[in-house]
């Protein structure tokens, strides 16, 4: 909880007043890699009521802080040192920008008096991060720390949330000030207007094939539950955008799938044929829009109602018939007041879309090359994981098994980057377990993906966080190999990998590790990992041909050759 504001002026260092502002604004978790450029902040953290997680690389620290924002809706703070420390953090910042996640990143900086001399690790952070943040700034005056932190909190959390980067000159952090604290930040909530909701009601009544598409951030468990109840009465199908399955229970009768990588072709057809698209929270960028083919740009073929919390995003790509500037939570609250009578056409559209989803997401008919069947692995996990288990993953073809076959049933159970960043799954899982040690947390990673930030497994061991990491190893950068075979069939270059024994890697760090080569071996290995009470890695070796649930590498290559590539 936020601490009370100082009622009288207290003389403090810049580092101390900075930490005090974080607590004032409700920031209770800091992820960092220590650096000499912000020693005064580290000293202030020594006695602060803040959970501190020390990471092994700044990319992991930034991704952990981003995952914290995804799960809680509130920004965590990430501290990194100047120069290479800051650039290492860039992937996590980029993820927060694409995924609309509130994030505060503080970067140590050289002293003010030696600027533009090429001092050790000097960088112009406004130039470096300006294109991937909502705001990048540098604190020049210790007296302005309360003002700037307050503004950063509002910027990161309001509208479409995102990252803020603040550079901290080393001498500012040791300067003294008696500046008073600010007031706790309150994210600005945008609400739909009554006239807009009346227009929406008329559109819904007339629609014969309406489809809801959910995405973005600024959701809550209550909003998800309310929307599910409304969808039941309205009889409308609900889809989610890329890596947002946790925004609607997949076992609900209205859920019809996700518009991500490799979606169900029939869901794409339903979205194209819908006469009304109600898009809530999602920008419908390249992947969920299927390379902008789902809806025409700028005027969609469907009647589009676009709900976003940032007026600057509305109309940026699509000209909606009804644009509504509102957060998903406030919009859903207003939507609950709209009642529409049952419709035979809507019911038929929903019934067909739901049947198509159930057929697409059924793992039983799927048979891939090799002795380890990932579809059966996902089915086994579904039967064993609690409904509130958190699954995380980075980027790679291995993730298609998760998105297609796992039944996400509850809000706050998915951590995955819509930016397509590799190396995210392990840091995200660590953050999730750090936030809530009582929940089951499973991270998925490809062999290439794991080694992007696999050293953070040491962080899990250090803090006693028994996450289970499932490394899906096909001995290559599989996604790139798939594209390579499709565009330049048979001309394989730069995608093969010679991997370590990941089970031995886990044991070397002090965790539990096992090697899994067959489907039959998986469940006993998973149960031993869970029972070990240690961070664990299951090294799952799959056939390189099993490039996705729907195709093999050979089929991709043969189709390319047949097409004359």
Protein backbone atom coordinates (compact mmCIF):
# COMPACT_ATOMS: atom_id res chain seq x y z
CA UNK A 1 0.00 0.00 0.00
CA UNK A 2 1.17 3.59 -0.63
CA UNK A 3 2.91 5.24 2.29
CA UNK A 4 1.58 8.45 3.78
CA UNK A 5 2.98 11.70 2.40
CA UNK A 6 5.40 13.68 4.55
CA UNK A 7 3.54 16.49 6.33
CA UNK A 8 6.73 18.42 7.05
CA UNK A 9 9.81 18.96 4.93
CA UNK A 10 12.53 16.38 5.55
CA UNK A 11 15.98 16.80 4.11
CA UNK A 12 16.86 13.77 2.00
CA UNK A 13 19.24 12.67 -0.71
CA UNK A 14 17.97 12.36 -4.25
CA UNK A 15 18.22 8.59 -3.93
CA UNK A 16 16.12 8.58 -0.75
CA UNK A 17 13.40 10.88 -2.03
CA UNK A 18 13.19 8.82 -5.22
CA UNK A 19 12.56 5.61 -3.28
CA UNK A 20 10.08 7.44 -1.04
CA UNK A 21 8.14 8.55 -4.13
CA UNK A 22 7.97 4.99 -5.43
CA UNK A 23 6.44 3.82 -2.17
CA UNK A 24 4.08 6.80 -2.14
CA UNK A 25 2.77 5.76 -5.55
CA UNK A 26 2.29 2.13 -4.56
CA UNK A 27 5.37 0.66 -6.27
CA UNK A 28 6.25 -2.25 -4.00
CA UNK A 29 8.61 -4.28 -6.17
CA UNK A 30 11.96 -3.40 -7.70
CA UNK A 31 13.82 -5.60 -10.20
CA UNK A 32 17.41 -4.65 -10.86
CA UNK A 33 20.97 -5.44 -11.77
CA UNK A 34 23.10 -3.31 -9.43
CA UNK A 35 25.35 -0.62 -10.85
CA UNK A 36 27.72 1.98 -9.44
CA UNK A 37 25.79 4.71 -11.24
CA UNK A 38 22.86 4.52 -8.82
CA UNK A 39 24.47 3.49 -5.52
CA UNK A 40 22.50 6.17 -3.65
CA UNK A 41 19.24 4.50 -4.71
CA UNK A 42 20.51 1.07 -3.66
CA UNK A 43 21.41 2.52 -0.27
CA UNK A 44 17.91 3.97 0.09
CA UNK A 45 16.41 0.59 -0.79
CA UNK A 46 18.33 -0.99 2.09
CA UNK A 47 15.73 0.15 4.63
CA UNK A 48 12.71 0.52 2.33
CA UNK A 49 9.55 -1.56 2.51
CA UNK A 50 10.09 -2.80 -1.03
CA UNK A 51 10.56 -6.30 -2.40
CA UNK A 52 13.87 -6.35 -4.24
CA UNK A 53 14.71 -8.95 -6.88
CA UNK A 54 18.33 -9.03 -8.04
CA UNK A 55 18.62 -10.35 -11.59
CA UNK A 56 21.49 -11.68 -13.68
CA UNK A 57 21.04 -9.53 -16.78
CA UNK A 58 19.18 -6.29 -17.41
CA UNK A 59 17.02 -7.82 -20.13
CA UNK A 60 15.70 -10.32 -17.59
CA UNK A 61 15.14 -7.57 -15.03
CA UNK A 62 13.11 -5.46 -17.46
CA UNK A 63 11.05 -8.47 -18.57
CA UNK A 64 10.32 -9.40 -14.95
CA UNK A 65 9.15 -5.85 -14.25
CA UNK A 66 7.01 -5.94 -17.39
CA UNK A 67 5.45 -9.26 -16.34
CA UNK A 68 4.66 -7.73 -12.95
CA UNK A 69 2.77 -4.95 -14.75
CA UNK A 70 0.88 -7.49 -16.88
CA UNK A 71 -0.29 -9.47 -13.86
CA UNK A 72 -1.09 -6.63 -11.48
CA UNK A 73 -1.97 -3.72 -13.77
CA UNK A 74 0.46 -1.60 -11.72
CA UNK A 75 4.00 -0.69 -12.72
CA UNK A 76 6.99 -2.22 -11.02
CA UNK A 77 10.31 -0.40 -11.09
CA UNK A 78 13.34 -1.69 -12.95
CA UNK A 79 16.76 -0.20 -12.16
CA UNK A 80 19.71 -0.68 -14.51
CA UNK A 81 23.07 0.95 -14.81
CA UNK A 82 24.12 3.26 -17.59
CA UNK A 83 25.33 2.39 -21.07
CA UNK A 84 25.33 -1.38 -21.67
CA UNK A 85 23.02 -1.91 -18.70
CA UNK A 86 20.44 0.34 -20.31
CA UNK A 87 20.75 -1.16 -23.78
CA UNK A 88 20.47 -4.66 -22.33
CA UNK A 89 17.08 -3.63 -20.91
CA UNK A 90 15.75 -2.55 -24.32
CA UNK A 91 13.87 -5.80 -25.14
CA UNK A 92 11.78 -5.54 -21.97
CA UNK A 93 11.00 -1.89 -22.73
CA UNK A 94 9.98 -2.80 -26.28
CA UNK A 95 7.70 -5.55 -24.97
CA UNK A 96 5.96 -3.09 -22.62
CA UNK A 97 5.45 -0.65 -25.49
CA UNK A 98 3.85 -3.25 -27.78
CA UNK A 99 1.90 -5.02 -25.04
CA UNK A 100 0.51 -1.82 -23.43
CA UNK A 101 2.07 -2.63 -20.06
CA UNK A 102 2.85 -0.01 -17.39
CA UNK A 103 6.58 -0.03 -16.63
CA UNK A 104 9.09 2.29 -14.97
CA UNK A 105 12.73 1.90 -15.97
CA UNK A 106 15.36 3.95 -14.12
CA UNK A 107 18.78 4.23 -15.71
CA UNK A 108 21.93 5.39 -13.98
CA UNK A 109 23.59 8.27 -15.78
CA UNK A 110 26.93 10.08 -15.80
CA UNK A 111 27.33 13.21 -13.70
CA UNK A 112 25.87 16.38 -15.16
CA UNK A 113 29.23 18.18 -15.32
CA UNK A 114 30.81 15.77 -17.84
CA UNK A 115 28.02 15.53 -20.40
CA UNK A 116 28.93 15.30 -24.08
CA UNK A 117 32.56 14.43 -23.38
CA UNK A 118 32.10 10.77 -24.14
CA UNK A 119 32.31 9.87 -20.47
CA UNK A 120 32.31 6.23 -19.41
CA UNK A 121 29.09 4.56 -20.66
CA UNK A 122 27.54 7.88 -21.65
CA UNK A 123 24.34 7.74 -23.72
CA UNK A 124 21.63 10.15 -24.77
CA UNK A 125 18.66 8.22 -23.39
CA UNK A 126 16.03 10.41 -25.00
CA UNK A 127 17.52 9.52 -28.37
CA UNK A 128 18.04 5.85 -27.53
CA UNK A 129 14.60 5.10 -26.06
CA UNK A 130 12.39 7.89 -27.37
CA UNK A 131 10.77 5.78 -30.08
CA UNK A 132 9.89 2.86 -27.80
CA UNK A 133 8.53 4.61 -24.71
CA UNK A 134 5.61 6.82 -23.81
CA UNK A 135 8.09 9.22 -22.24
CA UNK A 136 11.86 9.32 -21.80
CA UNK A 137 13.40 11.98 -19.60
CA UNK A 138 16.34 12.84 -17.40
CA UNK A 139 16.23 14.42 -13.95
CA UNK A 140 18.44 17.50 -13.84
CA UNK A 141 17.35 18.90 -10.48
CA UNK A 142 16.92 16.95 -7.25
CA UNK A 143 14.00 19.20 -6.25
CA UNK A 144 12.00 17.96 -9.25
CA UNK A 145 12.15 14.26 -8.36
CA UNK A 146 8.65 14.16 -6.77
CA UNK A 147 7.16 16.01 -9.76
CA UNK A 148 8.81 13.81 -12.37
CA UNK A 149 8.02 10.50 -10.62
CA UNK A 150 4.38 11.58 -10.27
CA UNK A 151 4.18 12.43 -13.95
CA UNK A 152 5.90 9.16 -14.89
CA UNK A 153 3.36 7.15 -12.91
CA UNK A 154 0.46 8.91 -14.62
CA UNK A 155 1.97 8.50 -18.07
CA UNK A 156 2.83 4.82 -17.59
CA UNK A 157 -0.59 3.89 -16.19
CA UNK A 158 -3.10 6.09 -18.04
CA UNK A 159 -4.53 5.88 -21.54
CA UNK A 160 -2.81 3.01 -23.32
CA UNK A 161 -0.26 2.02 -20.66
CA UNK A 162 3.39 1.71 -21.55
CA UNK A 163 7.00 2.18 -20.48
CA UNK A 164 8.64 5.31 -19.11
CA UNK A 165 12.43 5.61 -18.94
CA UNK A 166 14.02 8.03 -16.47
CA UNK A 167 17.77 8.73 -16.49
CA UNK A 168 19.33 9.51 -13.10
CA UNK A 169 22.57 11.54 -13.15
CA UNK A 170 24.79 10.18 -10.41
CA UNK A 171 25.34 13.55 -8.74
CA UNK A 172 21.60 14.29 -8.60
CA UNK A 173 21.12 11.16 -6.53
CA UNK A 174 23.50 12.39 -3.82
CA UNK A 175 22.29 16.00 -3.83
CA UNK A 176 20.19 16.97 -0.81
CA UNK A 177 16.66 18.39 -0.94
CA UNK A 178 13.81 19.27 1.37
CA UNK A 179 11.27 19.07 -1.48
CA UNK A 180 7.89 17.75 -0.29
CA UNK A 181 6.40 14.51 -1.55
CA UNK A 182 3.75 14.46 -4.22
CA UNK A 183 0.33 12.80 -4.02
CA UNK A 184 -0.36 9.17 -5.00
CA UNK A 185 -0.99 8.82 -8.72
CA UNK A 186 -4.42 7.74 -9.93
CA UNK A 187 -4.67 6.34 -13.48
CA UNK A 188 -7.15 8.29 -15.58
CA UNK A 189 -10.23 6.26 -16.43
CA UNK A 190 -11.95 6.99 -19.76
CA UNK A 191 -15.69 6.15 -19.90
CA UNK A 192 -18.03 5.64 -22.85
CA UNK A 193 -20.82 8.16 -23.38
CA UNK A 194 -24.50 7.32 -23.08
CA UNK A 195 -25.15 8.25 -26.71
CA UNK A 196 -22.35 5.91 -27.82
CA UNK A 197 -23.83 3.02 -25.88
CA UNK A 198 -27.27 3.73 -27.39
CA UNK A 199 -25.72 3.58 -30.86
CA UNK A 200 -23.97 0.34 -29.99
CA UNK A 201 -27.20 -1.20 -28.78
CA UNK A 202 -28.89 -0.39 -32.08
CA UNK A 203 -25.98 -1.93 -33.98
CA UNK A 204 -26.07 -5.11 -31.90
CA UNK A 205 -29.82 -5.51 -32.36
CA UNK A 206 -29.43 -5.27 -36.14
CA UNK A 207 -26.34 -7.51 -36.38
CA UNK A 208 -26.82 -11.08 -37.53
CA UNK A 209 -23.18 -12.14 -37.24
CA UNK A 210 -21.53 -10.05 -34.50
CA UNK A 211 -18.09 -10.99 -33.18
CA UNK A 212 -16.28 -9.59 -30.14
CA UNK A 213 -12.47 -9.42 -30.19
CA UNK A 214 -10.68 -8.73 -26.89
CA UNK A 215 -7.12 -7.57 -26.33
CA UNK A 216 -4.83 -4.99 -24.81
CA UNK A 217 -4.52 -4.17 -21.13
CA UNK A 218 -6.44 -2.33 -18.38
CA UNK A 219 -8.70 -5.33 -17.82
CA UNK A 220 -9.66 -6.83 -14.47
CA UNK A 221 -10.97 -10.18 -13.26
CA UNK A 222 -14.32 -8.51 -12.57
CA UNK A 223 -14.52 -7.10 -16.09
CA UNK A 224 -13.73 -10.50 -17.62
CA UNK A 225 -16.39 -12.18 -15.47
CA UNK A 226 -18.97 -9.50 -16.30
CA UNK A 227 -18.29 -9.75 -20.02
CA UNK A 228 -18.64 -13.54 -19.89
CA UNK A 229 -22.04 -13.17 -18.21
CA UNK A 230 -23.15 -10.60 -20.79
CA UNK A 231 -22.01 -12.80 -23.69
CA UNK A 232 -24.06 -15.68 -22.31
CA UNK A 233 -27.27 -13.65 -22.40
CA UNK A 234 -26.45 -11.88 -25.68
CA UNK A 235 -25.47 -15.09 -27.46
CA UNK A 236 -22.48 -13.62 -29.27
CA UNK A 237 -19.13 -15.26 -30.05
CA UNK A 238 -15.99 -13.90 -28.40
CA UNK A 239 -12.43 -14.19 -29.74
CA UNK A 240 -9.19 -12.80 -28.35
CA UNK A 241 -6.21 -11.23 -30.05
CA UNK A 242 -2.64 -12.52 -29.99
CA UNK A 243 -1.61 -14.01 -26.62
CA UNK A 244 -4.63 -12.68 -24.75
CA UNK A 245 -6.48 -15.95 -24.03
CA UNK A 246 -6.69 -15.05 -20.35
CA UNK A 247 -9.17 -12.27 -21.19
CA UNK A 248 -12.04 -14.76 -21.65
CA UNK A 249 -12.50 -18.27 -20.25
CA UNK A 250 -11.83 -20.72 -23.05
CA UNK A 251 -14.36 -23.20 -21.62
CA UNK A 252 -17.15 -20.61 -21.91
CA UNK A 253 -19.81 -21.40 -24.51
CA UNK A 254 -19.14 -18.10 -26.29
CA UNK A 255 -15.37 -18.48 -26.72
CA UNK A 256 -14.36 -19.18 -30.32
CA UNK A 257 -10.56 -18.89 -30.41
CA UNK A 258 -7.60 -16.56 -30.75
CA UNK A 259 -6.44 -14.41 -33.65
CA UNK A 260 -2.74 -14.98 -33.20
CA UNK A 261 0.01 -16.76 -35.09
CA UNK A 262 -1.39 -19.65 -37.10
CA UNK A 263 -5.04 -19.17 -36.07
CA UNK A 264 -7.86 -21.46 -37.05
CA UNK A 265 -8.63 -20.72 -40.70
CA UNK A 266 -12.32 -21.00 -39.90
CA UNK A 267 -12.07 -18.34 -37.19
CA UNK A 268 -10.45 -16.03 -39.72
CA UNK A 269 -13.35 -16.73 -42.08
CA UNK A 270 -15.87 -15.97 -39.33
CA UNK A 271 -14.12 -12.68 -38.54
CA UNK A 272 -14.14 -11.66 -42.21
CA UNK A 273 -17.80 -12.61 -42.64
CA UNK A 274 -18.96 -10.92 -39.42
CA UNK A 275 -21.28 -7.98 -40.06
CA UNK A 276 -20.29 -6.32 -36.78
CA UNK A 277 -16.87 -6.41 -35.10
CA UNK A 278 -16.79 -5.12 -31.54
CA UNK A 279 -13.06 -4.79 -30.76
CA UNK A 280 -12.31 -4.05 -27.11
CA UNK A 281 -8.80 -3.07 -26.03
CA UNK A 282 -6.95 -4.45 -29.05
CA UNK A 283 -5.28 -2.19 -31.60
CA UNK A 284 -5.70 -5.04 -34.14
CA UNK A 285 -2.12 -4.65 -35.29
CA UNK A 286 -0.31 -6.88 -37.77
CA UNK A 287 -0.68 -10.31 -36.17
CA UNK A 288 -4.29 -10.28 -34.88
CA UNK A 289 -5.41 -8.59 -38.12
CA UNK A 290 -3.62 -11.34 -40.09
CA UNK A 291 -1.28 -8.89 -41.82
CA UNK A 292 -4.06 -6.29 -42.03
CA UNK A 293 -6.18 -8.61 -44.21
CA UNK A 294 -8.94 -9.28 -41.68
CA UNK A 295 -10.30 -5.76 -42.02
CA UNK A 296 -9.68 -3.42 -44.91
CA UNK A 297 -7.54 -0.36 -44.17
CA UNK A 298 -8.64 2.31 -43.59
CA UNK A 299 -12.36 1.46 -43.85
CA UNK A 300 -13.18 -2.13 -42.75
CA UNK A 301 -15.68 -4.21 -44.69
CA UNK A 302 -17.37 -5.02 -41.38
CA UNK A 303 -19.14 -2.48 -39.22
CA UNK A 304 -16.40 -1.74 -36.68
CA UNK A 305 -16.92 -0.58 -33.12
CA UNK A 306 -13.46 0.11 -31.73
CA UNK A 307 -12.96 0.58 -27.99
CA UNK A 308 -9.56 1.85 -26.84
CA UNK A 309 -8.48 3.90 -23.80
CA UNK A 310 -6.33 6.22 -25.92
CA UNK A 311 -7.99 8.66 -28.33
CA UNK A 312 -4.71 8.93 -30.24
CA UNK A 313 -4.96 5.26 -31.25
CA UNK A 314 -8.55 5.45 -32.47
CA UNK A 315 -8.56 6.06 -36.21
CA UNK A 316 -4.81 5.56 -36.49
CA UNK A 317 -5.25 2.53 -38.76
CA UNK A 318 -8.97 1.80 -38.98
CA UNK A 319 -11.86 4.23 -39.43
CA UNK A 320 -14.44 2.77 -37.08
CA UNK A 321 -18.16 3.26 -37.57
CA UNK A 322 -18.28 3.89 -33.83
CA UNK A 323 -15.00 4.77 -32.07
CA UNK A 324 -15.24 4.77 -28.27
CA UNK A 325 -12.49 6.13 -26.05
CA UNK A 326 -12.81 4.02 -22.91
CA UNK A 327 -10.87 1.54 -20.83
CA UNK A 328 -12.01 -2.07 -21.16
CA UNK A 329 -13.14 -2.10 -17.53
CA UNK A 330 -15.34 0.98 -17.83
CA UNK A 331 -16.70 -0.11 -21.21
CA UNK A 332 -17.69 -3.56 -19.94
CA UNK A 333 -19.42 -1.95 -16.99
CA UNK A 334 -21.51 0.12 -19.42
CA UNK A 335 -22.06 -2.85 -21.74
CA UNK A 336 -23.76 -4.74 -18.93
CA UNK A 337 -26.65 -2.31 -19.24
CA UNK A 338 -27.32 -3.30 -22.86
CA UNK A 339 -29.84 -6.11 -23.21
CA UNK A 340 -30.59 -7.61 -26.60
CA UNK A 341 -33.23 -10.22 -27.34
CA UNK A 342 -32.17 -13.69 -28.54
CA UNK A 343 -31.64 -14.01 -32.28
CA UNK A 344 -31.70 -17.17 -34.39
CA UNK A 345 -29.03 -15.80 -36.74
CA UNK A 346 -26.72 -14.82 -33.89
CA UNK A 347 -27.18 -18.18 -32.23
CA UNK A 348 -26.41 -20.07 -35.46
CA UNK A 349 -23.27 -17.96 -36.00
CA UNK A 350 -22.12 -18.62 -32.42
CA UNK A 351 -22.92 -22.32 -32.55
CA UNK A 352 -20.89 -22.83 -35.72
CA UNK A 353 -17.94 -20.74 -34.49
CA UNK A 354 -17.86 -22.56 -31.16
CA UNK A 355 -17.97 -25.98 -32.84
CA UNK A 356 -15.13 -24.95 -35.13
CA UNK A 357 -13.04 -23.82 -32.14
CA UNK A 358 -13.60 -27.07 -30.24
CA UNK A 359 -12.55 -29.09 -33.28
CA UNK A 360 -9.47 -26.92 -33.88
CA UNK A 361 -8.32 -27.04 -30.25
CA UNK A 362 -8.83 -30.78 -29.76
CA UNK A 363 -5.35 -32.33 -29.36
CA UNK A 364 -6.46 -35.94 -29.85
CA UNK A 365 -6.38 -36.07 -33.68
CA UNK A 366 -2.99 -34.35 -33.87
CA UNK A 367 -0.07 -36.63 -34.63
CA UNK A 368 3.35 -35.11 -35.25
CA UNK A 369 6.61 -36.81 -36.26
CA UNK A 370 8.66 -38.18 -33.39
CA UNK A 371 8.17 -40.00 -30.09
CA UNK A 372 7.35 -36.90 -28.02
CA UNK A 373 3.93 -35.52 -28.93
CA UNK A 374 3.47 -31.93 -27.80
CA UNK A 375 -0.30 -32.04 -28.33
CA UNK A 376 -0.51 -34.88 -25.81
CA UNK A 377 1.82 -32.99 -23.45
CA UNK A 378 -0.57 -30.04 -23.50
CA UNK A 379 -3.52 -32.34 -22.88
CA UNK A 380 -1.73 -33.92 -19.91
CA UNK A 381 -0.91 -30.50 -18.44
CA UNK A 382 -4.49 -29.35 -18.85
CA UNK A 383 -5.63 -32.29 -16.75
CA UNK A 384 -3.14 -31.54 -13.96
CA UNK A 385 -2.71 -27.79 -13.69
CA UNK A 386 -5.01 -25.81 -11.38
CA UNK A 387 -7.28 -23.24 -13.02
CA UNK A 388 -5.18 -20.37 -11.65
CA UNK A 389 -1.84 -21.76 -12.88
CA UNK A 390 0.23 -19.18 -14.75
CA UNK A 391 1.78 -20.15 -18.09
CA UNK A 392 4.49 -18.03 -19.66
CA UNK A 393 6.34 -18.25 -22.93
CA UNK A 394 8.59 -16.28 -25.22
CA UNK A 395 8.55 -16.42 -29.01
CA UNK A 396 8.91 -19.40 -31.29
CA UNK A 397 6.92 -22.10 -33.03
CA UNK A 398 6.83 -24.13 -29.81
CA UNK A 399 4.32 -21.58 -28.49
CA UNK A 400 1.71 -22.62 -31.05
CA UNK A 401 0.98 -25.74 -29.01
CA UNK A 402 0.25 -23.62 -25.94
CA UNK A 403 -1.98 -21.12 -27.70
CA UNK A 404 -3.92 -23.75 -29.62
CA UNK A 405 -4.40 -26.45 -26.99
CA UNK A 406 -4.15 -25.00 -23.47
CA UNK A 407 -7.47 -24.07 -21.86
CA UNK A 408 -6.91 -20.73 -20.17
CA UNK A 409 -9.76 -20.48 -17.69
CA UNK A 410 -8.97 -17.47 -15.51
CA UNK A 411 -7.77 -13.89 -15.71
CA UNK A 412 -4.12 -13.34 -14.81
CA UNK A 413 -2.91 -16.77 -15.98
CA UNK A 414 -0.99 -15.86 -19.14
CA UNK A 415 2.33 -14.09 -19.63
CA UNK A 416 3.41 -13.86 -23.25
CA UNK A 417 4.82 -11.04 -25.40
CA UNK A 418 2.74 -9.77 -28.31
CA UNK A 419 5.92 -8.07 -29.50
CA UNK A 420 7.32 -11.46 -30.51
CA UNK A 421 10.34 -11.22 -28.22
CA UNK A 422 12.37 -14.31 -27.49
CA UNK A 423 13.73 -14.97 -24.01
CA UNK A 424 10.61 -13.80 -22.15
CA UNK A 425 9.19 -17.00 -20.64
CA UNK A 426 11.74 -17.66 -17.88
CA UNK A 427 12.00 -14.09 -16.50
CA UNK A 428 8.21 -13.72 -16.65
CA UNK A 429 7.70 -16.96 -14.73
CA UNK A 430 10.15 -15.82 -12.06
CA UNK A 431 8.28 -12.53 -11.66
CA UNK A 432 4.96 -14.38 -11.38
CA UNK A 433 6.28 -16.73 -8.70
CA UNK A 434 7.90 -13.80 -6.88
CA UNK A 435 4.56 -11.98 -6.81
CA UNK A 436 2.49 -15.00 -5.73
CA UNK A 437 4.56 -17.93 -4.42
CA UNK A 438 1.48 -20.09 -3.87
CA UNK A 439 0.46 -20.33 -7.53
CA UNK A 440 1.74 -22.94 -9.95
CA UNK A 441 3.92 -21.31 -12.62
CA UNK A 442 5.06 -23.09 -15.78
CA UNK A 443 7.37 -21.48 -18.33
CA UNK A 444 7.73 -22.68 -21.91
CA UNK A 445 10.80 -21.94 -23.98
CA UNK A 446 12.32 -23.19 -27.18
CA UNK A 447 15.96 -24.17 -27.15
CA UNK A 448 16.93 -20.91 -28.84
CA UNK A 449 14.48 -18.92 -26.73
CA UNK A 450 15.71 -20.34 -23.42
CA UNK A 451 19.32 -19.37 -23.96
CA UNK A 452 18.35 -15.74 -24.50
CA UNK A 453 17.68 -15.31 -20.77
CA UNK A 454 18.18 -18.78 -19.31
CA UNK A 455 20.74 -17.44 -16.85
CA UNK A 456 17.80 -16.04 -14.85
CA UNK A 457 17.23 -19.63 -13.71
CA UNK A 458 19.90 -18.70 -11.16
CA UNK A 459 17.54 -15.98 -9.88
CA UNK A 460 14.82 -18.58 -9.37
CA UNK A 461 17.26 -20.73 -7.39
CA UNK A 462 18.50 -17.76 -5.35
CA UNK A 463 15.00 -16.87 -4.21
CA UNK A 464 13.71 -20.44 -3.91
CA UNK A 465 11.07 -20.07 -6.63
CA UNK A 466 9.98 -23.53 -7.81
CA UNK A 467 8.93 -22.69 -11.34
CA UNK A 468 8.88 -25.48 -13.91
CA UNK A 469 10.53 -24.65 -17.23
CA UNK A 470 9.64 -26.83 -20.21
CA UNK A 471 12.37 -26.45 -22.82
CA UNK A 472 11.13 -27.65 -26.20
CA UNK A 473 14.31 -28.56 -28.07
CA UNK A 474 14.30 -29.19 -31.82
CA UNK A 475 17.95 -28.21 -32.33
CA UNK A 476 17.30 -25.05 -34.33
CA UNK A 477 15.74 -21.63 -34.52
CA UNK A 478 12.54 -23.30 -35.64
CA UNK A 479 10.44 -20.31 -36.67
CA UNK A 480 13.21 -18.91 -38.84
CA UNK A 481 13.88 -22.35 -40.33
CA UNK A 482 10.18 -22.65 -41.23
CA UNK A 483 10.21 -19.28 -43.00
CA UNK A 484 13.52 -20.20 -44.63
CA UNK A 485 12.10 -23.42 -46.07
CA UNK A 486 9.01 -21.59 -47.29
CA UNK A 487 10.90 -18.78 -49.05
CA UNK A 488 14.20 -20.51 -49.96
CA UNK A 489 13.45 -24.25 -49.84
CA UNK A 490 16.41 -26.50 -49.14
CA UNK A 491 18.85 -23.62 -48.65
CA UNK A 492 19.35 -23.98 -44.91
CA UNK A 493 21.75 -21.56 -43.28
CA UNK A 494 22.27 -20.04 -39.79
CA UNK A 495 19.37 -21.83 -38.11
CA UNK A 496 20.94 -25.02 -36.75
CA UNK A 497 21.87 -25.16 -33.05
CA UNK A 498 24.09 -27.43 -30.98
CA UNK A 499 22.55 -27.36 -27.54
CA UNK A 500 23.74 -28.22 -24.03
CA UNK A 501 22.09 -30.75 -21.74
CA UNK A 502 19.45 -28.46 -20.25
CA UNK A 503 18.64 -30.92 -17.46
CA UNK A 504 22.29 -30.86 -16.37
CA UNK A 505 22.17 -27.06 -16.66
CA UNK A 506 19.32 -27.00 -14.12
CA UNK A 507 21.19 -29.26 -11.72
CA UNK A 508 24.36 -27.18 -12.05
CA UNK A 509 22.44 -24.16 -10.77
CA UNK A 510 20.97 -26.14 -7.87
CA UNK A 511 17.63 -26.98 -9.43
CA UNK A 512 15.87 -30.12 -10.59
CA UNK A 513 16.48 -31.28 -14.16
CA UNK A 514 15.21 -34.18 -16.28
CA UNK A 515 15.46 -35.18 -19.90
CA UNK A 516 12.23 -36.19 -21.68
CA UNK A 517 12.32 -37.96 -25.04
CA UNK A 518 8.93 -39.72 -25.22
CA UNK A 519 5.34 -38.79 -24.45
CA UNK A 520 5.15 -41.53 -21.84
CA UNK A 521 8.07 -40.00 -19.92
CA UNK A 522 6.57 -36.54 -19.64
CA UNK A 523 3.93 -36.88 -16.91
CA UNK A 524 6.14 -38.76 -14.41
CA UNK A 525 8.94 -36.24 -15.03
CA UNK A 526 6.57 -33.31 -14.55
CA UNK A 527 5.23 -34.77 -11.32
CA UNK A 528 8.76 -35.33 -9.98
CA UNK A 529 9.66 -31.76 -10.89
CA UNK A 530 6.61 -30.42 -9.07
CA UNK A 531 7.32 -32.58 -6.03
CA UNK A 532 10.98 -31.54 -5.86
CA UNK A 533 10.17 -28.09 -4.48
CA UNK A 534 13.01 -26.72 -6.61
CA UNK A 535 13.15 -24.64 -9.76
CA UNK A 536 13.08 -27.27 -12.47
CA UNK A 537 13.84 -27.73 -16.15
CA UNK A 538 12.31 -30.49 -18.25
CA UNK A 539 14.45 -30.86 -21.35
CA UNK A 540 11.92 -32.07 -23.93
CA UNK A 541 13.44 -33.21 -27.22
CA UNK A 542 11.07 -33.14 -30.19
CA UNK A 543 11.56 -34.18 -33.80
CA UNK A 544 12.77 -31.23 -35.93
CA UNK A 545 10.09 -32.15 -38.47
CA UNK A 546 7.37 -31.28 -35.93
CA UNK A 547 7.52 -27.59 -36.77
CA UNK A 548 3.88 -26.90 -35.85
CA UNK A 549 0.71 -28.81 -34.98
CA UNK A 550 -0.50 -28.46 -38.57
CA UNK A 551 2.52 -29.17 -40.74
CA UNK A 552 6.05 -30.54 -40.99
CA UNK A 553 9.23 -29.01 -42.35
CA UNK A 554 9.15 -31.40 -45.29
CA UNK A 555 5.61 -30.34 -46.15
CA UNK A 556 6.60 -26.67 -45.96
CA UNK A 557 9.55 -27.29 -48.26
CA UNK A 558 7.57 -29.40 -50.74
CA UNK A 559 4.80 -26.79 -50.93
CA UNK A 560 7.39 -24.09 -51.65
CA UNK A 561 9.00 -26.15 -54.40
CA UNK A 562 5.60 -26.87 -55.92
CA UNK A 563 4.88 -23.13 -55.92
CA UNK A 564 8.06 -22.53 -57.91
CA UNK A 565 10.14 -20.86 -55.21
